[in-house]
Amino acid sequence: MSRQPVLFVSHGAPDVLLNPGASVRLWERLGAELPRPRAILVISAHWAARVPTVSTAASPETIHDFGGFPPALYQMSYPAPGAPELARRVRDLLAEAGLPNGDVPERGLDHGAWIPLTAMYPAADLPVVQLALQPFAGPDWHRRLGAALRPLRDEGVLILASGAVTHNFNWLTWGANGAPEPQAVEFAGWLGDALARDDRPALLDYRRVAPHGAGAHPTEEHLLPLFAALGAAEPGEKPLRLEPEYTYSGLAMDAYLWQNDSPTSFTAEP
C-alpha cells in the first residue's frame, strides 16, 4: 500500500464554502490530485478532550458548531461513514506510545473536519474518524501524538490536521477581505521558514521566538493540529507550503503538505 501524505489546512471561517475562493479551489485540487486514501483521520481544532479521544461513530453526524452565519450553511451536511476499526487502531498506536486515550460512540464531524472535506471529497464516500486534541497540553505533546500515529500513513490513512496559521479575531475585518494584516503576514512567513528548515526547536517555542507568536494565537488550539502533523512527518521531511489567500484580512489560509515517498507529487501550481 502506498504511503499517504500528511496534510495541514487552515479551515478559515465556516462561510468559506459559501464564498469559495482560492482556499476552496486548493482543497478541491488536493482531493483530486493526492493519492486516494482508504480512510481519513482528522485532528481538528474544534474538538478538545482531557485525553486523546477518538469517535467510534459508524455514521457521524454533521455538527454545526458555530453561530451567526447564513442559513444555507446550517443546511449543509457531510454524510461520510465512520471507521470504528480505524478508531481502534488509533487507540492501539497511542497505547503503544505510552499515551493515554479514550473513545466516544456519538461524536460527529465538527466544521474543522467537514468544511475542508466537503471541498476535497464532495462525494463523502471515504470513512472519517476524528481525534480530539488537548488545548492546554502544548505543542510538544501534540508532536508526540502525531509521531505515534505515523504508521497510519503506510496503512492508507490520510492524516488531516485542521486548524489555522493565524487565529486572532482582533486582526480580522469581518464582512470584507481587505489587505492582509501585516502581523499575520509576518507570523505566517516565519512559520513557513521554520517549517522549511524543519527547525523543530524553534517551532515548539514559537510563542517566544516568532514575531507576533502569542498574538497570532491568543489561545493555542488552532495551531496545535499543525504540531500533530509535524509529528506524523518523518524527521527531516520538509513540507510544501501552499499559500492560497488571507480571508477577512487576518486569517492566513496556508496549508502544508508532507509528501515524501507518496506516489503522487503535488505542486504549488496546477
Protein backbone atom coordinates (compact mmCIF):
# COMPACT_ATOMS: atom_id res chain seq x y z
CA MET A 1 0.00 0.00 0.00
CA SER A 2 1.41 3.38 -1.00
CA ARG A 3 2.37 5.91 1.65
CA GLN A 4 -0.13 8.66 2.32
CA PRO A 5 0.96 12.28 2.81
CA VAL A 6 0.21 14.36 5.90
CA LEU A 7 -1.84 17.50 5.34
CA PHE A 8 -2.44 20.56 7.49
CA VAL A 9 -5.10 23.04 6.37
CA SER A 10 -6.28 26.35 7.75
CA HIS A 11 -10.04 25.83 7.63
CA GLY A 12 -10.94 29.51 7.95
CA ALA A 13 -14.37 30.87 8.85
CA PRO A 14 -17.25 28.45 8.21
CA ASP A 15 -18.68 30.59 5.42
CA VAL A 16 -15.64 29.89 3.24
CA LEU A 17 -17.79 27.32 1.43
CA LEU A 18 -20.46 29.92 0.65
CA ASN A 19 -17.93 32.31 -0.86
CA PRO A 20 -15.48 29.90 -2.48
CA GLY A 21 -12.16 31.43 -3.39
CA ALA A 22 -8.55 30.34 -3.60
CA SER A 23 -8.68 28.20 -0.46
CA VAL A 24 -11.64 26.12 -1.62
CA ARG A 25 -10.05 25.71 -5.05
CA LEU A 26 -6.86 24.49 -3.35
CA TRP A 27 -8.80 21.92 -1.30
CA GLU A 28 -10.54 20.72 -4.46
CA ARG A 29 -7.16 20.23 -6.14
CA LEU A 30 -5.77 18.39 -3.13
CA GLY A 31 -8.69 15.97 -3.13
CA ALA A 32 -8.40 15.38 -6.86
CA GLU A 33 -4.61 15.04 -7.11
CA LEU A 34 -3.42 13.42 -3.88
CA PRO A 35 -3.33 9.61 -3.76
CA ARG A 36 -6.77 8.43 -2.73
CA PRO A 37 -6.75 7.18 0.88
CA ARG A 38 -8.75 4.28 2.23
CA ALA A 39 -9.76 6.41 5.23
CA ILE A 40 -9.11 9.79 6.83
CA LEU A 41 -8.11 10.69 10.38
CA VAL A 42 -8.94 14.31 11.21
CA ILE A 43 -7.35 16.21 14.09
CA SER A 44 -9.43 19.37 14.38
CA ALA A 45 -9.03 22.48 16.50
CA HIS A 46 -12.73 22.21 17.33
CA TRP A 47 -12.71 19.05 19.41
CA ALA A 48 -10.98 19.08 22.78
CA ALA A 49 -10.85 16.36 25.42
CA ARG A 50 -8.85 15.61 28.55
CA VAL A 51 -7.02 12.75 26.78
CA PRO A 52 -6.68 11.88 23.08
CA THR A 53 -10.14 10.57 22.25
CA VAL A 54 -11.45 9.00 19.05
CA SER A 55 -15.01 8.79 17.80
CA THR A 56 -16.25 5.30 17.03
CA ALA A 57 -19.46 6.51 15.37
CA ALA A 58 -20.42 4.37 12.38
CA SER A 59 -22.37 7.27 10.83
CA PRO A 60 -21.02 10.51 12.30
CA GLU A 61 -23.41 13.45 12.24
CA THR A 62 -22.53 16.83 10.77
CA ILE A 63 -22.00 19.27 13.65
CA HIS A 64 -22.81 22.94 13.00
CA ASP A 65 -20.69 24.24 15.85
CA PHE A 66 -20.90 27.95 15.07
CA GLY A 67 -23.40 30.79 15.13
CA GLY A 68 -24.34 33.92 13.22
CA PHE A 69 -23.74 32.65 9.69
CA PRO A 70 -26.19 32.44 6.75
CA PRO A 71 -28.92 29.77 6.97
CA ALA A 72 -27.56 27.92 3.94
CA LEU A 73 -24.53 26.86 5.99
CA TYR A 74 -26.71 25.09 8.57
CA GLN A 75 -28.42 23.11 5.83
CA MET A 76 -25.15 21.55 4.67
CA SER A 77 -24.30 18.02 5.69
CA TYR A 78 -21.37 15.72 5.13
CA PRO A 79 -22.66 12.14 5.47
CA ALA A 80 -19.33 10.32 5.36
CA PRO A 81 -19.20 6.91 7.01
CA GLY A 82 -17.26 6.42 10.20
CA ALA A 83 -14.46 3.89 10.65
CA PRO A 84 -14.67 2.12 14.03
CA GLU A 85 -11.81 -0.23 13.07
CA LEU A 86 -9.54 2.73 12.35
CA ALA A 87 -10.58 4.27 15.68
CA ARG A 88 -9.42 1.10 17.43
CA ARG A 89 -6.15 1.17 15.50
CA VAL A 90 -5.57 4.78 16.58
CA ARG A 91 -6.10 3.80 20.21
CA ASP A 92 -3.69 0.88 19.87
CA LEU A 93 -0.97 3.13 18.43
CA LEU A 94 -1.43 5.70 21.18
CA ALA A 95 -1.25 2.98 23.82
CA GLU A 96 1.93 1.55 22.27
CA ALA A 97 3.47 5.03 22.56
CA GLY A 98 2.52 5.22 26.23
CA LEU A 99 -0.12 7.90 25.64
CA PRO A 100 -3.47 7.88 27.44
CA ASN A 101 -6.51 7.59 25.19
CA GLY A 102 -10.24 7.05 25.09
CA ASP A 103 -13.20 6.81 22.77
CA VAL A 104 -16.76 8.05 22.48
CA PRO A 105 -19.52 6.48 20.38
CA GLU A 106 -21.56 9.52 19.45
CA ARG A 107 -19.17 12.26 18.33
CA GLY A 108 -19.81 13.64 14.84
CA LEU A 109 -17.74 15.76 12.46
CA ASP A 110 -17.21 19.38 13.50
CA HIS A 111 -16.69 22.15 10.98
CA GLY A 112 -12.92 21.85 11.23
CA ALA A 113 -13.42 18.47 9.57
CA TRP A 114 -16.39 18.78 7.24
CA ILE A 115 -15.63 22.24 5.83
CA PRO A 116 -12.38 21.24 4.06
CA LEU A 117 -13.59 17.68 3.42
CA THR A 118 -16.65 18.97 1.57
CA ALA A 119 -14.33 20.58 -0.97
CA MET A 120 -11.74 17.80 -1.01
CA TYR A 121 -14.05 14.78 -1.23
CA PRO A 122 -17.54 16.06 -2.07
CA ALA A 123 -18.96 12.55 -2.54
CA ALA A 124 -18.44 11.93 1.22
CA ASP A 125 -17.59 8.33 0.40
CA LEU A 126 -14.38 7.96 2.41
CA PRO A 127 -14.55 6.78 6.06
CA VAL A 128 -13.64 9.52 8.53
CA VAL A 129 -12.54 9.36 12.17
CA GLN A 130 -11.85 12.35 14.41
CA LEU A 131 -9.29 12.58 17.19
CA ALA A 132 -9.58 15.17 19.95
CA LEU A 133 -6.68 17.42 20.92
CA GLN A 134 -5.70 18.68 24.36
CA PRO A 135 -5.68 22.50 24.28
CA PHE A 136 -3.56 23.01 27.39
CA ALA A 137 -1.01 20.26 26.73
CA GLY A 138 1.15 22.34 24.38
CA PRO A 139 2.96 21.84 21.07
CA ASP A 140 5.37 19.06 22.05
CA TRP A 141 2.56 16.87 23.38
CA HIS A 142 0.83 17.12 20.02
CA ARG A 143 4.08 16.40 18.19
CA ARG A 144 4.32 13.20 20.24
CA LEU A 145 0.71 12.43 19.42
CA GLY A 146 1.38 12.78 15.70
CA ALA A 147 4.55 10.69 15.88
CA ALA A 148 2.60 7.85 17.47
CA LEU A 149 0.18 7.92 14.52
CA ARG A 150 2.86 7.97 11.80
CA PRO A 151 2.41 4.26 10.93
CA LEU A 152 -1.09 5.06 9.65
CA ARG A 153 0.48 6.72 6.61
CA ASP A 154 1.68 3.31 5.41
CA GLU A 155 -1.76 1.83 6.05
CA GLY A 156 -3.62 4.01 3.55
CA VAL A 157 -4.80 6.64 6.03
CA LEU A 158 -4.62 10.36 5.26
CA ILE A 159 -3.83 12.34 8.41
CA LEU A 160 -5.63 15.67 8.03
CA ALA A 161 -4.80 18.30 10.65
CA SER A 162 -7.25 21.19 10.55
CA GLY A 163 -6.65 24.46 12.36
CA ALA A 164 -5.32 27.91 11.49
CA VAL A 165 -1.96 29.51 10.81
CA THR A 166 -3.29 32.71 12.42
CA HIS A 167 -6.32 32.98 14.70
CA ASN A 168 -6.65 36.38 16.35
CA PHE A 169 -10.14 37.83 15.94
CA ASN A 170 -8.77 41.32 16.66
CA TRP A 171 -6.85 41.10 13.38
CA LEU A 172 -9.97 40.42 11.30
CA THR A 173 -12.06 42.74 9.16
CA TRP A 174 -15.39 40.90 9.31
CA GLY A 175 -17.52 41.35 6.24
CA ALA A 176 -14.67 42.20 3.90
CA ASN A 177 -11.43 40.79 2.55
CA GLY A 178 -9.10 43.74 2.74
CA ALA A 179 -5.33 43.93 2.53
CA PRO A 180 -3.63 41.23 4.62
CA GLU A 181 -2.94 42.17 8.22
CA PRO A 182 0.85 42.82 8.43
CA GLN A 183 1.23 40.93 11.71
CA ALA A 184 -0.49 37.89 10.21
CA VAL A 185 1.79 38.03 7.17
CA GLU A 186 4.90 38.28 9.33
CA PHE A 187 3.96 35.37 11.55
CA ALA A 188 2.89 33.18 8.63
CA GLY A 189 6.19 33.91 6.89
CA TRP A 190 8.20 33.00 9.98
CA LEU A 191 6.24 29.77 10.34
CA GLY A 192 6.83 28.86 6.72
CA ASP A 193 10.55 29.49 7.01
CA ALA A 194 10.86 27.44 10.22
CA LEU A 195 8.95 24.53 8.69
CA ALA A 196 11.11 24.70 5.55
CA ARG A 197 14.20 24.31 7.78
CA ASP A 198 12.47 21.61 9.84
CA ASP A 199 13.54 23.71 12.82
CA ARG A 200 11.56 21.84 15.42
CA PRO A 201 13.05 23.54 18.50
CA ALA A 202 12.04 26.96 17.15
CA LEU A 203 8.61 25.73 16.12
CA LEU A 204 7.90 24.25 19.53
CA ASP A 205 8.94 27.56 21.13
CA TYR A 206 7.02 29.72 18.65
CA ARG A 207 5.22 31.79 21.29
CA ARG A 208 8.56 33.15 22.49
CA VAL A 209 10.71 33.27 19.36
CA ALA A 210 8.32 34.00 16.47
CA PRO A 211 7.29 37.56 15.60
CA HIS A 212 3.77 38.04 16.99
CA GLY A 213 3.81 34.41 18.12
CA ALA A 214 1.43 34.83 21.04
CA GLY A 215 -0.55 37.46 19.16
CA ALA A 216 -1.22 35.13 16.24
CA HIS A 217 -2.68 32.63 18.70
CA PRO A 218 -4.11 34.15 21.89
CA THR A 219 -5.14 30.56 22.63
CA GLU A 220 -3.25 27.64 21.10
CA GLU A 221 -5.93 25.21 19.96
CA HIS A 222 -5.89 26.31 16.31
CA LEU A 223 -2.14 25.80 15.87
CA LEU A 224 -1.86 22.56 17.82
CA PRO A 225 -3.08 20.41 14.88
CA LEU A 226 -0.02 21.63 12.96
CA PHE A 227 2.26 20.08 15.58
CA ALA A 228 0.39 16.78 15.30
CA ALA A 229 1.03 16.91 11.55
CA LEU A 230 4.68 17.75 12.19
CA GLY A 231 4.97 14.70 14.43
CA ALA A 232 3.39 12.45 11.81
CA ALA A 233 6.00 13.63 9.30
CA GLU A 234 9.36 11.93 9.33
CA PRO A 235 12.18 13.97 10.92
CA GLY A 236 13.78 15.88 8.07
CA GLU A 237 10.69 15.53 5.85
CA LYS A 238 10.01 19.10 4.78
CA PRO A 239 6.56 20.28 3.74
CA LEU A 240 5.29 22.04 0.68
CA ARG A 241 3.83 25.40 1.70
CA LEU A 242 0.61 26.31 -0.09
CA GLU A 243 -0.46 29.95 0.29
CA PRO A 244 -3.90 30.48 -1.24
CA GLU A 245 -5.07 33.73 0.38
CA TYR A 246 -5.90 35.72 3.51
CA THR A 247 -9.58 35.81 4.43
CA TYR A 248 -11.05 38.67 6.46
CA SER A 249 -7.55 40.17 6.25
CA GLY A 250 -6.21 38.33 9.30
CA LEU A 251 -6.78 34.64 8.62
CA ALA A 252 -3.76 33.18 6.82
CA MET A 253 -5.20 30.23 4.91
CA ASP A 254 -1.88 28.45 4.39
CA ALA A 255 -1.77 24.69 4.03
CA TYR A 256 1.23 22.40 4.46
CA LEU A 257 1.75 19.06 2.76
CA TRP A 258 4.35 16.48 3.78
CA GLN A 259 4.53 14.05 0.88
CA ASN A 260 7.93 12.30 0.88
CA ASP A 261 7.61 8.79 -0.61
CA SER A 262 3.99 9.43 -1.64
CA PRO A 263 3.21 8.12 -5.13
CA THR A 264 1.93 11.49 -6.37
CA SER A 265 3.89 14.73 -6.09
CA PHE A 266 1.54 17.66 -5.55
CA THR A 267 2.89 21.02 -6.67
CA ALA A 268 2.02 24.54 -5.60
CA GLU A 269 0.79 25.48 -9.06
CA PRO A 270 -1.76 23.49 -11.10
